[in-house]
C-alpha atoms as a PDB file:
ATOM      1  CA  THR A   1       0.000   0.000   0.000  1.00  0.00           C
ATOM      2  CA  HIS A   2       0.973   3.666  -0.304  1.00  0.00           C
ATOM      3  CA  GLN A   3       1.203   3.870   3.506  1.00  0.00           C
ATOM      4  CA  GLU A   4       3.581   0.894   3.624  1.00  0.00           C
ATOM      5  CA  ARG A   5       5.791   2.391   0.884  1.00  0.00           C
ATOM      6  CA  TRP A   6       5.849   5.708   2.771  1.00  0.00           C
ATOM      7  CA  ARG A   7       6.862   3.931   5.971  1.00  0.00           C
ATOM      8  CA  ARG A   8       9.679   2.072   4.224  1.00  0.00           C
ATOM      9  CA  VAL A   9      11.091   5.388   3.033  1.00  0.00           C
ATOM     10  CA  LEU A  10      10.923   7.022   6.459  1.00  0.00           C
ATOM     11  CA  LYS A  11      11.352   4.272   9.023  1.00  0.00           C
ATOM     12  CA  TYR A  12      14.144   1.772   9.491  1.00  0.00           C
ATOM     13  CA  GLU A  13      12.775  -1.739   9.104  1.00  0.00           C
ATOM     14  CA  GLY A  14      15.638  -3.742  10.571  1.00  0.00           C
ATOM     15  CA  GLU A  15      16.133  -5.151  14.049  1.00  0.00           C
ATOM     16  CA  ARG A  16      15.010  -2.744  16.753  1.00  0.00           C
ATOM     17  CA  GLY A  17      16.032  -1.969  20.286  1.00  0.00           C
ATOM     18  CA  GLN A  18      13.610  -1.916  23.202  1.00  0.00           C
ATOM     19  CA  VAL A  19      12.155   1.031  25.101  1.00  0.00           C
ATOM     20  CA  GLU A  20      11.343   0.473  28.760  1.00  0.00           C
ATOM     21  CA  MET A  21       9.347   3.061  30.706  1.00  0.00           C
ATOM     22  CA  ILE A  22      10.189   2.979  34.414  1.00  0.00           C
ATOM     23  CA  GLU A  23       9.030   5.127  37.314  1.00  0.00           C
ATOM     24  CA  HIS A  24      11.770   6.586  39.469  1.00  0.00           C
ATOM     25  CA  HIS A  25      11.280   8.299  42.828  1.00  0.00           C
ATOM     26  CA  SER A  26      13.584  11.179  43.704  1.00  0.00           C
ATOM     27  CA  ASP A  27      14.271  12.007  47.335  1.00  0.00           C
ATOM     28  CA  LEU A  28      16.120  15.155  46.273  1.00  0.00           C
ATOM     29  CA  LEU A  29      13.184  16.596  44.314  1.00  0.00           C
ATOM     30  CA  ALA A  30      10.614  15.857  47.021  1.00  0.00           C
ATOM     31  CA  GLY A  31       9.195  18.971  48.672  1.00  0.00           C
ATOM     32  CA  ASN A  32      10.374  21.390  45.984  1.00  0.00           C
ATOM     33  CA  PRO A  33       8.802  24.896  46.150  1.00  0.00           C
ATOM     34  CA  TRP A  34       6.554  24.414  43.092  1.00  0.00           C
ATOM     35  CA  ALA A  35       5.308  20.994  44.231  1.00  0.00           C
ATOM     36  CA  ASP A  36       6.505  19.310  41.039  1.00  0.00           C
ATOM     37  CA  SER A  37       6.202  15.554  41.439  1.00  0.00           C
ATOM     38  CA  PRO A  38       9.276  13.646  42.646  1.00  0.00           C
ATOM     39  CA  GLN A  39       7.863  10.598  40.818  1.00  0.00           C
ATOM     40  CA  ARG A  40       9.533  10.645  37.405  1.00  0.00           C
ATOM     41  CA  GLN A  41       8.971   8.471  34.355  1.00  0.00           C
ATOM     42  CA  VAL A  42      12.251   7.501  32.702  1.00  0.00           C
ATOM     43  CA  ALA A  43      12.399   6.004  29.209  1.00  0.00           C
ATOM     44  CA  VAL A  44      15.412   3.760  28.573  1.00  0.00           C
ATOM     45  CA  TRP A  45      16.388   2.435  25.132  1.00  0.00           C
ATOM     46  CA  THR A  46      18.504  -0.698  25.037  1.00  0.00           C
ATOM     47  CA  PRO A  47      20.107  -1.901  21.793  1.00  0.00           C
ATOM     48  CA  PRO A  48      19.095  -5.009  19.843  1.00  0.00           C
ATOM     49  CA  GLY A  49      20.236  -8.197  21.555  1.00  0.00           C
ATOM     50  CA  TYR A  50      20.539  -6.566  24.983  1.00  0.00           C
ATOM     51  CA  SER A  51      18.270  -9.105  26.711  1.00  0.00           C
ATOM     52  CA  ASP A  52      20.129 -12.076  25.177  1.00  0.00           C
ATOM     53  CA  GLN A  53      23.637 -11.028  26.137  1.00  0.00           C
ATOM     54  CA  LYS A  54      25.746 -10.151  29.150  1.00  0.00           C
ATOM     55  CA  THR A  55      27.576  -7.301  27.448  1.00  0.00           C
ATOM     56  CA  GLU A  56      28.052  -4.014  29.280  1.00  0.00           C
ATOM     57  CA  TYR A  57      27.421  -0.843  27.279  1.00  0.00           C
ATOM     58  CA  PRO A  58      28.299   2.835  27.320  1.00  0.00           C
ATOM     59  CA  VAL A  59      25.336   4.935  28.459  1.00  0.00           C
ATOM     60  CA  VAL A  60      24.176   8.275  27.084  1.00  0.00           C
ATOM     61  CA  PHE A  61      21.595  10.560  28.722  1.00  0.00           C
ATOM     62  CA  TYR A  62      19.304  12.785  26.650  1.00  0.00           C
ATOM     63  CA  LEU A  63      18.295  16.210  28.002  1.00  0.00           C
ATOM     64  CA  ALA A  64      15.116  17.633  26.466  1.00  0.00           C
ATOM     65  CA  ALA A  65      14.521  21.197  25.288  1.00  0.00           C
ATOM     66  CA  PHE A  66      12.361  23.782  27.063  1.00  0.00           C
ATOM     67  CA  THR A  67       8.608  22.845  26.947  1.00  0.00           C
ATOM     68  CA  SER A  68       9.627  19.243  26.253  1.00  0.00           C
ATOM     69  CA  SER A  69      10.544  16.058  28.113  1.00  0.00           C
ATOM     70  CA  GLY A  70      12.416  12.828  27.566  1.00  0.00           C
ATOM     71  CA  LEU A  71       8.998  11.202  27.243  1.00  0.00           C
ATOM     72  CA  LYS A  72       8.224  13.284  24.150  1.00  0.00           C
ATOM     73  CA  ALA A  73      11.308  11.850  22.463  1.00  0.00           C
ATOM     74  CA  THR A  74       9.468   8.510  22.242  1.00  0.00           C
ATOM     75  CA  ASN A  75       6.352   9.935  20.499  1.00  0.00           C
ATOM     76  CA  TRP A  76       5.330   8.630  17.087  1.00  0.00           C
ATOM     77  CA  ASP A  77       5.799  11.085  14.237  1.00  0.00           C
ATOM     78  CA  GLY A  78       4.532  10.489  10.732  1.00  0.00           C
ATOM     79  CA  PHE A  79       7.173  12.582   9.005  1.00  0.00           C
ATOM     80  CA  THR A  80      10.394  11.836  10.839  1.00  0.00           C
ATOM     81  CA  GLU A  81      11.935   9.484  13.376  1.00  0.00           C
ATOM     82  CA  ASN A  82      11.485   9.729  17.090  1.00  0.00           C
ATOM     83  CA  LEU A  83      14.638   9.193  19.141  1.00  0.00           C
ATOM     84  CA  PRO A  84      14.275   5.388  19.614  1.00  0.00           C
ATOM     85  CA  GLU A  85      13.648   4.964  15.869  1.00  0.00           C
ATOM     86  CA  ARG A  86      16.712   7.076  15.114  1.00  0.00           C
ATOM     87  CA  LEU A  87      18.784   4.928  17.467  1.00  0.00           C
ATOM     88  CA  ASP A  88      17.397   1.757  15.837  1.00  0.00           C
ATOM     89  CA  ARG A  89      18.613   2.989  12.447  1.00  0.00           C
ATOM     90  CA  LEU A  90      21.973   4.351  13.588  1.00  0.00           C
ATOM     91  CA  VAL A  91      22.879   1.140  15.410  1.00  0.00           C
ATOM     92  CA  GLY A  92      21.191  -1.187  12.916  1.00  0.00           C
ATOM     93  CA  THR A  93      23.063   0.268   9.946  1.00  0.00           C
ATOM     94  CA  GLY A  94      26.376   0.287  11.782  1.00  0.00           C
ATOM     95  CA  GLN A  95      26.689   4.073  11.905  1.00  0.00           C
ATOM     96  CA  MET A  96      26.737   4.034  15.708  1.00  0.00           C
ATOM     97  CA  GLU A  97      28.066   1.499  18.195  1.00  0.00           C
ATOM     98  CA  PRO A  98      25.434   0.002  20.543  1.00  0.00           C
ATOM     99  CA  ALA A  99      24.779   1.982  23.712  1.00  0.00           C
ATOM    100  CA  ILE A 100      22.092   2.434  26.344  1.00  0.00           C
ATOM    101  CA  VAL A 101      20.209   5.732  25.996  1.00  0.00           C
ATOM    102  CA  VAL A 102      18.308   7.263  28.937  1.00  0.00           C
ATOM    103  CA  MET A 103      15.514   9.801  28.397  1.00  0.00           C
ATOM    104  CA  PRO A 104      14.526  11.363  31.751  1.00  0.00           C
ATOM    105  CA  ASP A 105      11.440  13.490  32.374  1.00  0.00           C
ATOM    106  CA  ALA A 106      12.550  16.848  33.787  1.00  0.00           C
ATOM    107  CA  PHE A 107       9.437  18.866  32.931  1.00  0.00           C
ATOM    108  CA  ILE A 108       8.277  21.297  35.634  1.00  0.00           C
ATOM    109  CA  GLN A 109       5.411  23.756  36.106  1.00  0.00           C
ATOM    110  CA  LEU A 110       7.533  26.608  34.789  1.00  0.00           C
ATOM    111  CA  GLY A 111       7.692  24.894  31.423  1.00  0.00           C
ATOM    112  CA  GLY A 112      11.124  23.349  31.137  1.00  0.00           C
ATOM    113  CA  ASN A 113      14.512  22.777  32.695  1.00  0.00           C
ATOM    114  CA  GLN A 114      18.056  24.132  32.586  1.00  0.00           C
ATOM    115  CA  TYR A 115      19.396  21.091  34.510  1.00  0.00           C
ATOM    116  CA  ILE A 116      21.183  23.006  37.264  1.00  0.00           C
ATOM    117  CA  ASP A 117      20.554  23.086  41.015  1.00  0.00           C
ATOM    118  CA  SER A 118      18.269  25.854  42.241  1.00  0.00           C
ATOM    119  CA  PRO A 119      16.441  26.316  45.556  1.00  0.00           C
ATOM    120  CA  ALA A 120      13.573  27.829  43.554  1.00  0.00           C
ATOM    121  CA  VAL A 121      12.763  24.711  41.500  1.00  0.00           C
ATOM    122  CA  GLY A 122      14.848  21.876  42.912  1.00  0.00           C
ATOM    123  CA  PRO A 123      18.336  20.342  42.694  1.00  0.00           C
ATOM    124  CA  TRP A 124      18.047  19.084  39.126  1.00  0.00           C
ATOM    125  CA  ALA A 125      21.776  18.666  38.503  1.00  0.00           C
ATOM    126  CA  SER A 126      22.091  16.652  41.703  1.00  0.00           C
ATOM    127  CA  TYR A 127      19.039  14.592  40.752  1.00  0.00           C
ATOM    128  CA  LEU A 128      20.710  13.584  37.493  1.00  0.00           C
ATOM    129  CA  THR A 129      24.205  13.006  38.836  1.00  0.00           C
ATOM    130  CA  GLN A 130      23.550  11.662  42.338  1.00  0.00           C
ATOM    131  CA  GLU A 131      20.262   9.784  41.946  1.00  0.00           C
ATOM    132  CA  LEU A 132      19.487   8.941  38.338  1.00  0.00           C
ATOM    133  CA  VAL A 133      22.962   7.899  37.211  1.00  0.00           C
ATOM    134  CA  PRO A 134      23.497   5.371  40.063  1.00  0.00           C
ATOM    135  CA  TRP A 135      19.936   4.084  39.605  1.00  0.00           C
ATOM    136  CA  VAL A 136      20.501   3.461  35.879  1.00  0.00           C
ATOM    137  CA  ASP A 137      23.855   1.812  36.572  1.00  0.00           C
ATOM    138  CA  ASP A 138      22.155  -0.484  39.073  1.00  0.00           C
ATOM    139  CA  LYS A 139      19.240  -1.484  36.831  1.00  0.00           C
ATOM    140  CA  PHE A 140      21.031  -1.791  33.486  1.00  0.00           C
ATOM    141  CA  ARG A 141      24.290  -3.296  32.250  1.00  0.00           C
ATOM    142  CA  THR A 142      26.161  -0.059  31.830  1.00  0.00           C
ATOM    143  CA  LEU A 143      29.878   0.506  31.830  1.00  0.00           C
ATOM    144  CA  ALA A 144      29.427   2.262  35.149  1.00  0.00           C
ATOM    145  CA  ASP A 145      32.230   4.779  34.913  1.00  0.00           C
ATOM    146  CA  ARG A 146      32.555   8.426  33.962  1.00  0.00           C
ATOM    147  CA  ASN A 147      34.691   7.541  30.949  1.00  0.00           C
ATOM    148  CA  HIS A 148      31.845   5.543  29.437  1.00  0.00           C
ATOM    149  CA  ARG A 149      28.977   7.910  30.231  1.00  0.00           C
ATOM    150  CA  GLY A 150      27.871  10.930  28.202  1.00  0.00           C
ATOM    151  CA  LEU A 151      24.968  13.269  27.632  1.00  0.00           C
ATOM    152  CA  PHE A 152      23.501  15.276  24.798  1.00  0.00           C
ATOM    153  CA  GLY A 153      20.640  17.648  24.201  1.00  0.00           C
ATOM    154  CA  PHE A 154      19.120  20.390  22.100  1.00  0.00           C
ATOM    155  CA  SER A 155      18.409  24.024  23.084  1.00  0.00           C
ATOM    156  CA  SER A 156      17.951  24.057  26.897  1.00  0.00           C
ATOM    157  CA  GLY A 157      19.045  20.426  26.834  1.00  0.00           C
ATOM    158  CA  GLY A 158      22.182  21.402  24.951  1.00  0.00           C
ATOM    159  CA  TYR A 159      22.808  24.097  27.535  1.00  0.00           C
ATOM    160  CA  GLY A 160      22.378  21.534  30.309  1.00  0.00           C
ATOM    161  CA  ALA A 161      24.757  19.092  28.643  1.00  0.00           C
ATOM    162  CA  LEU A 162      27.451  21.734  28.249  1.00  0.00           C
ATOM    163  CA  VAL A 163      27.143  23.055  31.814  1.00  0.00           C
ATOM    164  CA  HIS A 164      27.254  19.498  33.168  1.00  0.00           C
ATOM    165  CA  GLY A 165      30.428  18.937  31.174  1.00  0.00           C
ATOM    166  CA  MET A 166      31.908  21.919  33.003  1.00  0.00           C
ATOM    167  CA  MET A 167      30.554  21.361  36.510  1.00  0.00           C
ATOM    168  CA  HIS A 168      30.185  17.569  36.687  1.00  0.00           C
ATOM    169  CA  SER A 169      33.007  16.162  34.576  1.00  0.00           C
ATOM    170  CA  ASP A 170      33.518  13.552  37.296  1.00  0.00           C
ATOM    171  CA  VAL A 171      30.197  12.028  36.150  1.00  0.00           C
ATOM    172  CA  TRP A 172      30.222  12.661  32.383  1.00  0.00           C
ATOM    173  CA  GLY A 173      32.968  11.722  29.962  1.00  0.00           C
ATOM    174  CA  GLY A 174      31.500  13.198  26.780  1.00  0.00           C
ATOM    175  CA  VAL A 175      29.058  15.957  25.833  1.00  0.00           C
ATOM    176  CA  ALA A 176      27.120  17.029  22.737  1.00  0.00           C
ATOM    177  CA  CYS A 177      25.413  20.445  22.703  1.00  0.00           C
ATOM    178  CA  HIS A 178      23.006  21.173  19.849  1.00  0.00           C
ATOM    179  CA  SER A 179      21.838  24.801  19.472  1.00  0.00           C
ATOM    180  CA  GLY A 180      22.358  25.419  23.165  1.00  0.00           C
ATOM    181  CA  ASP A 181      21.653  28.618  25.105  1.00  0.00           C
ATOM    182  CA  LEU A 182      24.914  30.552  24.746  1.00  0.00           C
ATOM    183  CA  TYR A 183      25.911  34.213  25.074  1.00  0.00           C
ATOM    184  CA  PHE A 184      22.936  35.471  27.076  1.00  0.00           C
ATOM    185  CA  LYS A 185      23.380  39.037  25.815  1.00  0.00           C
ATOM    186  CA  TYR A 186      21.985  37.764  22.507  1.00  0.00           C
ATOM    187  CA  ALA A 187      20.170  34.605  23.623  1.00  0.00           C
ATOM    188  CA  CYS A 188      18.111  36.061  26.518  1.00  0.00           C
ATOM    189  CA  LEU A 189      18.296  39.848  26.664  1.00  0.00           C
ATOM    190  CA  PRO A 190      16.408  40.492  23.362  1.00  0.00           C
ATOM    191  CA  ASP A 191      13.440  38.493  24.723  1.00  0.00           C
ATOM    192  CA  PHE A 192      13.031  40.703  27.785  1.00  0.00           C
ATOM    193  CA  PRO A 193      10.962  43.477  26.097  1.00  0.00           C
ATOM    194  CA  GLN A 194       8.294  40.982  25.043  1.00  0.00           C
ATOM    195  CA  ALA A 195       8.148  39.564  28.576  1.00  0.00           C
ATOM    196  CA  ILE A 196       7.917  43.094  29.982  1.00  0.00           C
ATOM    197  CA  ASP A 197       4.994  43.933  27.682  1.00  0.00           C
ATOM    198  CA  THR A 198       3.218  40.695  28.603  1.00  0.00           C
ATOM    199  CA  LEU A 199       3.729  41.110  32.366  1.00  0.00           C
ATOM    200  CA  ARG A 200       2.524  44.720  32.289  1.00  0.00           C
ATOM    201  CA  ARG A 201      -0.943  43.340  31.482  1.00  0.00           C
ATOM    202  CA  PHE A 202      -0.750  41.659  34.900  1.00  0.00           C
ATOM    203  CA  ASN A 203       0.608  44.698  36.777  1.00  0.00           C
ATOM    204  CA  GLY A 204       4.078  43.207  36.500  1.00  0.00           C
ATOM    205  CA  ASP A 205       3.105  40.286  38.752  1.00  0.00           C
ATOM    206  CA  PRO A 206       4.509  36.914  37.593  1.00  0.00           C
ATOM    207  CA  ASP A 207       2.062  34.986  39.799  1.00  0.00           C
ATOM    208  CA  LYS A 208      -0.937  36.665  38.157  1.00  0.00           C
ATOM    209  CA  PHE A 209       0.469  35.793  34.743  1.00  0.00           C
ATOM    210  CA  LEU A 210       1.082  32.156  35.757  1.00  0.00           C
ATOM    211  CA  ASN A 211      -2.428  31.835  37.225  1.00  0.00           C
ATOM    212  CA  ARG A 212      -3.881  33.147  33.970  1.00  0.00           C
ATOM    213  CA  LEU A 213      -1.915  30.552  32.005  1.00  0.00           C
ATOM    214  CA  LYS A 214      -3.509  27.736  33.987  1.00  0.00           C
ATOM    215  CA  GLY A 215      -6.892  28.614  32.531  1.00  0.00           C
ATOM    216  CA  LYS A 216      -5.743  28.848  28.916  1.00  0.00           C
ATOM    217  CA  VAL A 217      -6.485  26.107  26.412  1.00  0.00           C
ATOM    218  CA  LYS A 218      -3.944  27.489  23.922  1.00  0.00           C
ATOM    219  CA  TYR A 219      -0.706  29.335  24.627  1.00  0.00           C
ATOM    220  CA  ARG A 220       0.505  32.160  22.405  1.00  0.00           C
ATOM    221  CA  GLY A 221       4.118  32.510  21.417  1.00  0.00           C
ATOM    222  CA  SER A 222       4.416  35.460  23.803  1.00  0.00           C
ATOM    223  CA  ASP A 223       3.063  33.265  26.603  1.00  0.00           C
ATOM    224  CA  ILE A 224       5.772  30.665  26.044  1.00  0.00           C
ATOM    225  CA  MET A 225       8.565  33.217  25.761  1.00  0.00           C
ATOM    226  CA  THR A 226       7.434  34.987  28.932  1.00  0.00           C
ATOM    227  CA  LEU A 227       7.122  31.659  30.749  1.00  0.00           C
ATOM    228  CA  MET A 228      10.654  30.796  29.676  1.00  0.00           C
ATOM    229  CA  THR A 229      11.967  34.116  30.995  1.00  0.00           C
ATOM    230  CA  LEU A 230      10.315  33.388  34.355  1.00  0.00           C
ATOM    231  CA  ALA A 231      11.760  29.874  34.413  1.00  0.00           C
ATOM    232  CA  LEU A 232      15.220  31.265  33.751  1.00  0.00           C
ATOM    233  CA  CYS A 233      14.736  33.675  36.672  1.00  0.00           C
ATOM    234  CA  ALA A 234      14.097  30.671  38.901  1.00  0.00           C
ATOM    235  CA  PHE A 235      17.179  28.811  37.670  1.00  0.00           C
ATOM    236  CA  TYR A 236      19.716  31.625  37.292  1.00  0.00           C
ATOM    237  CA  ASP A 237      18.726  34.049  40.059  1.00  0.00           C
ATOM    238  CA  PRO A 238      16.689  32.242  42.734  1.00  0.00           C
ATOM    239  CA  CYS A 239      15.525  34.018  45.859  1.00  0.00           C
ATOM    240  CA  GLU A 240      17.106  32.210  48.806  1.00  0.00           C
ATOM    241  CA  GLU A 241      14.737  33.726  51.391  1.00  0.00           C
ATOM    242  CA  ASP A 242      11.527  33.019  49.446  1.00  0.00           C
ATOM    243  CA  PRO A 243      12.129  30.312  46.802  1.00  0.00           C
ATOM    244  CA  ARG A 244       8.695  30.817  45.216  1.00  0.00           C
ATOM    245  CA  LYS A 245       9.442  34.480  44.555  1.00  0.00           C
ATOM    246  CA  LEU A 246      10.581  35.130  40.985  1.00  0.00           C
ATOM    247  CA  GLN A 247      13.210  37.870  40.873  1.00  0.00           C
ATOM    248  CA  LEU A 248      12.879  39.691  37.550  1.00  0.00           C
ATOM    249  CA  PRO A 249      16.022  41.117  35.908  1.00  0.00           C
ATOM    250  CA  PHE A 250      14.145  44.234  34.794  1.00  0.00           C
ATOM    251  CA  GLU A 251      11.779  46.882  36.147  1.00  0.00           C
ATOM    252  CA  THR A 252       8.270  45.973  34.991  1.00  0.00           C
ATOM    253  CA  GLU A 253       7.114  49.598  34.885  1.00  0.00           C
ATOM    254  CA  THR A 254       9.922  51.062  32.783  1.00  0.00           C
ATOM    255  CA  GLY A 255      11.614  47.954  31.419  1.00  0.00           C
ATOM    256  CA  GLU A 256      15.006  49.112  32.646  1.00  0.00           C
ATOM    257  CA  LEU A 257      17.527  46.358  33.239  1.00  0.00           C
ATOM    258  CA  ILE A 258      18.412  45.669  36.891  1.00  0.00           C
ATOM    259  CA  GLU A 259      22.157  45.255  36.621  1.00  0.00           C
ATOM    260  CA  GLU A 260      22.621  43.235  39.824  1.00  0.00           C
ATOM    261  CA  ARG A 261      20.000  40.716  38.770  1.00  0.00           C
ATOM    262  CA  TRP A 262      21.335  40.531  35.203  1.00  0.00           C
ATOM    263  CA  GLN A 263      24.848  39.813  36.450  1.00  0.00           C
ATOM    264  CA  ARG A 264      23.492  36.775  38.289  1.00  0.00           C
ATOM    265  CA  TRP A 265      22.171  35.504  34.959  1.00  0.00           C
ATOM    266  CA  LEU A 266      25.474  36.121  33.215  1.00  0.00           C
ATOM    267  CA  SER A 267      27.314  34.021  35.783  1.00  0.00           C
ATOM    268  CA  TRP A 268      25.439  31.015  34.317  1.00  0.00           C
ATOM    269  CA  ASP A 269      26.288  31.828  30.702  1.00  0.00           C
ATOM    270  CA  PRO A 270      28.557  29.015  29.396  1.00  0.00           C
ATOM    271  CA  VAL A 271      30.564  31.593  27.439  1.00  0.00           C
ATOM    272  CA  GLU A 272      31.387  33.317  30.737  1.00  0.00           C
ATOM    273  CA  MET A 273      31.941  30.018  32.570  1.00  0.00           C
ATOM    274  CA  VAL A 274      34.603  28.556  30.277  1.00  0.00           C
ATOM    275  CA  ALA A 275      37.580  30.259  31.932  1.00  0.00           C
ATOM    276  CA  SER A 276      36.669  28.786  35.338  1.00  0.00           C
ATOM    277  CA  HIS A 277      36.243  25.224  34.050  1.00  0.00           C
ATOM    278  CA  VAL A 278      39.137  24.718  31.650  1.00  0.00           C
ATOM    279  CA  SER A 279      40.484  21.584  33.348  1.00  0.00           C
ATOM    280  CA  ALA A 280      37.066  19.929  33.398  1.00  0.00           C
ATOM    281  CA  LEU A 281      36.440  20.665  29.727  1.00  0.00           C
ATOM    282  CA  LYS A 282      39.896  19.420  28.756  1.00  0.00           C
ATOM    283  CA  SER A 283      39.207  16.170  30.605  1.00  0.00           C
ATOM    284  CA  LEU A 284      36.217  15.302  28.404  1.00  0.00           C
ATOM    285  CA  ARG A 285      36.781  12.509  25.931  1.00  0.00           C
ATOM    286  CA  TYR A 286      34.533  14.289  23.420  1.00  0.00           C
ATOM    287  CA  LEU A 287      32.969  17.742  23.183  1.00  0.00           C
ATOM    288  CA  TYR A 288      30.588  18.504  20.309  1.00  0.00           C
ATOM    289  CA  LEU A 289      28.952  21.832  19.525  1.00  0.00           C
ATOM    290  CA  ASP A 290      26.723  22.832  16.608  1.00  0.00           C
ATOM    291  CA  CYS A 291      24.068  25.383  15.608  1.00  0.00           C
ATOM    292  CA  GLY A 292      22.103  26.394  12.527  1.00  0.00           C
ATOM    293  CA  PHE A 293      23.341  29.695  11.094  1.00  0.00           C
ATOM    294  CA  ARG A 294      19.730  30.901  10.716  1.00  0.00           C
ATOM    295  CA  ASP A 295      18.767  30.249  14.349  1.00  0.00           C
ATOM    296  CA  GLN A 296      15.801  32.531  15.104  1.00  0.00           C
ATOM    297  CA  TYR A 297      16.872  32.867  18.728  1.00  0.00           C
ATOM    298  CA  ARG A 298      20.292  34.166  17.695  1.00  0.00           C
ATOM    299  CA  LEU A 299      22.103  31.190  19.219  1.00  0.00           C
ATOM    300  CA  HIS A 300      24.509  30.755  16.298  1.00  0.00           C
ATOM    301  CA  HIS A 301      26.328  33.870  17.476  1.00  0.00           C
ATOM    302  CA  GLY A 302      26.765  32.349  20.920  1.00  0.00           C
ATOM    303  CA  ALA A 303      27.923  29.054  19.422  1.00  0.00           C
ATOM    304  CA  ARG A 304      30.616  30.854  17.440  1.00  0.00           C
ATOM    305  CA  ILE A 305      31.743  32.769  20.516  1.00  0.00           C
ATOM    306  CA  MET A 306      31.765  29.574  22.575  1.00  0.00           C
ATOM    307  CA  SER A 307      33.926  27.785  20.015  1.00  0.00           C
ATOM    308  CA  SER A 308      36.269  30.786  19.996  1.00  0.00           C
ATOM    309  CA  ARG A 309      36.545  30.691  23.804  1.00  0.00           C
ATOM    310  CA  LEU A 310      37.312  26.974  23.688  1.00  0.00           C
ATOM    311  CA  LYS A 311      40.040  27.592  21.128  1.00  0.00           C
ATOM    312  CA  ASP A 312      41.498  30.379  23.269  1.00  0.00           C
ATOM    313  CA  HIS A 313      41.928  27.865  26.097  1.00  0.00           C
ATOM    314  CA  GLU A 314      43.134  25.093  23.760  1.00  0.00           C
ATOM    315  CA  ILE A 315      40.153  22.900  24.616  1.00  0.00           C
ATOM    316  CA  ALA A 316      39.633  20.193  21.998  1.00  0.00           C
ATOM    317  CA  HIS A 317      36.133  20.235  20.511  1.00  0.00           C
ATOM    318  CA  HIS A 318      34.216  19.610  17.307  1.00  0.00           C
ATOM    319  CA  TYR A 319      32.179  22.561  16.037  1.00  0.00           C
ATOM    320  CA  GLU A 320      29.771  22.650  13.091  1.00  0.00           C
ATOM    321  CA  GLU A 321      27.361  25.170  11.618  1.00  0.00           C
ATOM    322  CA  PHE A 322      24.593  24.082   9.276  1.00  0.00           C
ATOM    323  CA  ASP A 323      21.991  25.688   7.028  1.00  0.00           C
ATOM    324  CA  ASP A 324      18.871  25.674   9.195  1.00  0.00           C
ATOM    325  CA  ASP A 325      17.128  27.475  12.050  1.00  0.00           C
ATOM    326  CA  HIS A 326      16.249  26.350  15.604  1.00  0.00           C
ATOM    327  CA  SER A 327      13.220  24.197  14.782  1.00  0.00           C
ATOM    328  CA  SER A 328      13.037  20.426  14.207  1.00  0.00           C
ATOM    329  CA  ILE A 329      16.774  19.830  13.999  1.00  0.00           C
ATOM    330  CA  GLN A 330      16.819  16.430  15.689  1.00  0.00           C
ATOM    331  CA  TYR A 331      18.367  15.038  12.497  1.00  0.00           C
ATOM    332  CA  ARG A 332      21.578  16.612  13.730  1.00  0.00           C
ATOM    333  CA  TYR A 333      21.885  13.789  16.279  1.00  0.00           C
ATOM    334  CA  ASP A 334      23.098  11.684  13.345  1.00  0.00           C
ATOM    335  CA  HIS A 335      26.222  13.869  13.366  1.00  0.00           C
ATOM    336  CA  SER A 336      26.965  13.837  17.092  1.00  0.00           C
ATOM    337  CA  LEU A 337      25.824  10.526  18.528  1.00  0.00           C
ATOM    338  CA  PRO A 338      28.076   8.124  16.577  1.00  0.00           C
ATOM    339  CA  ALA A 339      31.189  10.082  17.560  1.00  0.00           C
ATOM    340  CA  LEU A 340      30.005  10.633  21.135  1.00  0.00           C
ATOM    341  CA  VAL A 341      29.332   6.923  21.704  1.00  0.00           C
ATOM    342  CA  LYS A 342      32.603   5.931  20.018  1.00  0.00           C
ATOM    343  CA  SER A 343      34.487   8.200  22.440  1.00  0.00           C
ATOM    344  CA  LEU A 344      32.869   6.388  25.372  1.00  0.00           C
ATOM    345  CA  LEU A 345      33.881   2.878  24.332  1.00  0.00           C
ATOM    346  CA  PRO A 346      36.461   1.003  26.433  1.00  0.00           C
END
């Protein structure tokens, strides 16, 4: 049939791996200020033949983009591959060595995750490194060592992968960052005016805006961008005294930047962090960075600057630019994953 011919063109028809969906309880995330559930669904892809062998495998963790989750990576799509289907093809055709791939759910009420510890939303870096990694190593036949463990992601997930490579190189041996949040002066600052205009409709009160979102059946683009700005406030500049309070980096009445708040954001910009984490970055077995040179969020500029900073410090890395924007670029995993997994082999 036409449908069968279409599927043969799009979907790999060879031997497939298995996806297991497992619930994981986090002690570290329990009692977080936004009452996000500590019960987390984790999708784990194991390569063909895993259940019939005793082989131990490298393990790679996938970090999802803002508004997304590891669970979404398993969704059926009529026009492209989901992540397990992509892994089936890459491994089945010999382009990538077999590995275990973990897809955690890090979605929170504020719409996404930057994968760092914050008293405002929870210790997400610690959850990944101190709870999820040992749990995966215990349940699956991983090569349970930093040298055989990596992570990759796109957008916020790419940001998280890169920051983890800097701050947690004792856990991760290789990193791939696709279109990650880099150079906040271009990546974040230009989005502030839209957030200011949106929040002014709520007297500058983030809580009023968030309560209004709960009743919406459809979010506008300005809703999502404002939500992301608020989420970044919670991750980059949390209020220690009142974790639920969102500290805005601008005056809502005039829109003027609050320099003290903005500097807190900049301290989490990977471009600014490189100089303080040179040894960690040099210790990675593989560091991959790419971005489309038509990225609508201006991230290609940050990627270029990041690559330049890495060169300045003589940090080995692989950098690519490609002809596309920020949307639907999961096909780029074909470029990073084979090399990332190869670097993690014994």
